Structures are given as structure tokens and as C-alpha cells.
Amino acid sequence: MPTDTLGRFLAALAPEHREAVGARPREEQERLAAAWERELEADDGLDTLDELSPPAAEAEAARRVLDRETD
């Protein structure tokens, strides 16, 4: 399991999104990973989900970050 923010972010993505994000420039990947980490820290609802299933909370935060990117 990756321990760096970018590695954890990529692992939290659905496979099809992981491939698309992986094709982006490294700087953009790191920007998205930082946004993902902020999402995890800021959302109290994800805290509750994190207690039940950390991978589910990470996946939900990743989905939200990508959704904002496409809006």
C-alpha cells in the first residue's frame, strides 16, 4: 500500500480514473492529490465513513475531487 499522498490518491481512484489521472502531468496529479487530502480532512461525513471503512472514505473523496474537476 502506498504511503505518499499521490500514491494513496491514485490507489483510491477507480481503475478507469486511475489510468486517466496517471496520464496527466505529474504537477497536475500532485495538485489533485493535495485537493483529495484536503477533502478528507475537511469533510466531517467522511470522518464517520473513515471509521467504518477507510478505503471507502478515500474513494468517495477521490470521486468528489474528480467530479469538481469536470464541473
C-alpha atoms as a PDB file:
ATOM      1  CA  MET A   1       0.000   0.000   0.000  1.00  0.00           C
ATOM      2  CA  PRO A   2       1.407   3.406  -0.988  1.00  0.00           C
ATOM      3  CA  THR A   3       2.269   5.810   1.820  1.00  0.00           C
ATOM      4  CA  ASP A   4       2.754   9.056  -0.119  1.00  0.00           C
ATOM      5  CA  THR A   5      -0.238  11.284  -0.827  1.00  0.00           C
ATOM      6  CA  LEU A   6      -0.123  10.851  -4.599  1.00  0.00           C
ATOM      7  CA  GLY A   7       0.193   7.075  -4.349  1.00  0.00           C
ATOM      8  CA  ARG A   8      -2.691   6.868  -1.892  1.00  0.00           C
ATOM      9  CA  PHE A   9      -4.822   9.123  -4.097  1.00  0.00           C
ATOM     10  CA  LEU A  10      -4.165   7.028  -7.185  1.00  0.00           C
ATOM     11  CA  ALA A  11      -4.933   3.841  -5.235  1.00  0.00           C
ATOM     12  CA  ALA A  12      -8.262   5.345  -4.095  1.00  0.00           C
ATOM     13  CA  LEU A  13      -9.392   6.022  -7.669  1.00  0.00           C
ATOM     14  CA  ALA A  14     -11.499   3.634  -9.705  1.00  0.00           C
ATOM     15  CA  PRO A  15      -9.281   1.832 -12.257  1.00  0.00           C
ATOM     16  CA  GLU A  16     -10.538   3.822 -15.256  1.00  0.00           C
ATOM     17  CA  HIS A  17      -9.947   7.125 -13.434  1.00  0.00           C
ATOM     18  CA  ARG A  18      -6.551   5.987 -12.180  1.00  0.00           C
ATOM     19  CA  GLU A  19      -5.409   5.464 -15.754  1.00  0.00           C
ATOM     20  CA  ALA A  20      -6.725   8.862 -16.877  1.00  0.00           C
ATOM     21  CA  VAL A  21      -5.169  10.724 -13.946  1.00  0.00           C
ATOM     22  CA  GLY A  22      -1.929   8.789 -14.379  1.00  0.00           C
ATOM     23  CA  ALA A  23      -1.681  10.124 -17.928  1.00  0.00           C
ATOM     24  CA  ARG A  24      -1.792  13.737 -16.713  1.00  0.00           C
ATOM     25  CA  PRO A  25       1.359  15.726 -15.962  1.00  0.00           C
ATOM     26  CA  ARG A  26       2.926  14.995 -12.563  1.00  0.00           C
ATOM     27  CA  GLU A  27       2.235  18.532 -11.321  1.00  0.00           C
ATOM     28  CA  GLU A  28      -1.489  18.142 -12.041  1.00  0.00           C
ATOM     29  CA  GLN A  29      -1.550  14.725 -10.373  1.00  0.00           C
ATOM     30  CA  GLU A  30       0.017  16.248  -7.254  1.00  0.00           C
ATOM     31  CA  ARG A  31      -2.491  19.117  -7.291  1.00  0.00           C
ATOM     32  CA  LEU A  32      -5.371  16.636  -7.410  1.00  0.00           C
ATOM     33  CA  ALA A  33      -3.804  14.557  -4.634  1.00  0.00           C
ATOM     34  CA  ALA A  34      -3.495  17.660  -2.450  1.00  0.00           C
ATOM     35  CA  ALA A  35      -7.155  18.516  -3.116  1.00  0.00           C
ATOM     36  CA  TRP A  36      -8.068  14.925  -2.201  1.00  0.00           C
ATOM     37  CA  GLU A  37      -6.192  15.170   1.072  1.00  0.00           C
ATOM     38  CA  ARG A  38      -7.946  18.462   1.907  1.00  0.00           C
ATOM     39  CA  GLU A  39     -11.289  16.830   1.108  1.00  0.00           C
ATOM     40  CA  LEU A  40     -10.537  14.002   3.525  1.00  0.00           C
ATOM     41  CA  GLU A  41      -9.539  16.436   6.269  1.00  0.00           C
ATOM     42  CA  ALA A  42     -12.387  18.910   5.811  1.00  0.00           C
ATOM     43  CA  ASP A  43     -15.496  16.745   5.445  1.00  0.00           C
ATOM     44  CA  ASP A  44     -16.945  15.512   8.736  1.00  0.00           C
ATOM     45  CA  GLY A  45     -19.137  12.991   6.915  1.00  0.00           C
ATOM     46  CA  LEU A  46     -16.050  11.312   5.550  1.00  0.00           C
ATOM     47  CA  ASP A  47     -14.709  11.044   9.118  1.00  0.00           C
ATOM     48  CA  THR A  48     -17.646   8.815  10.001  1.00  0.00           C
ATOM     49  CA  LEU A  49     -17.213   6.736   6.851  1.00  0.00           C
ATOM     50  CA  ASP A  50     -13.480   6.523   7.542  1.00  0.00           C
ATOM     51  CA  GLU A  51     -14.207   4.888  10.897  1.00  0.00           C
ATOM     52  CA  LEU A  52     -16.319   2.261   9.151  1.00  0.00           C
ATOM     53  CA  SER A  53     -14.229   1.811   6.009  1.00  0.00           C
ATOM     54  CA  PRO A  54     -11.115   3.884   5.354  1.00  0.00           C
ATOM     55  CA  PRO A  55     -10.863   2.729   1.703  1.00  0.00           C
ATOM     56  CA  ALA A  56     -14.487   3.750   1.081  1.00  0.00           C
ATOM     57  CA  ALA A  57     -13.881   7.214   2.544  1.00  0.00           C
ATOM     58  CA  GLU A  58     -10.762   7.653   0.418  1.00  0.00           C
ATOM     59  CA  ALA A  59     -12.609   6.503  -2.714  1.00  0.00           C
ATOM     60  CA  GLU A  60     -15.510   8.887  -2.025  1.00  0.00           C
ATOM     61  CA  ALA A  61     -13.131  11.819  -1.528  1.00  0.00           C
ATOM     62  CA  ALA A  62     -11.333  10.929  -4.777  1.00  0.00           C
ATOM     63  CA  ARG A  63     -14.647  10.783  -6.628  1.00  0.00           C
ATOM     64  CA  ARG A  64     -15.606  14.218  -5.301  1.00  0.00           C
ATOM     65  CA  VAL A  65     -12.296  15.754  -6.361  1.00  0.00           C
ATOM     66  CA  LEU A  66     -12.641  14.390  -9.886  1.00  0.00           C
ATOM     67  CA  ASP A  67     -16.278  15.488 -10.063  1.00  0.00           C
ATOM     68  CA  ARG A  68     -15.223  19.051  -9.241  1.00  0.00           C
ATOM     69  CA  GLU A  69     -12.578  18.859 -11.978  1.00  0.00           C
ATOM     70  CA  THR A  70     -15.200  18.105 -14.613  1.00  0.00           C
ATOM     71  CA  ASP A  71     -17.736  20.728 -13.455  1.00  0.00           C
END
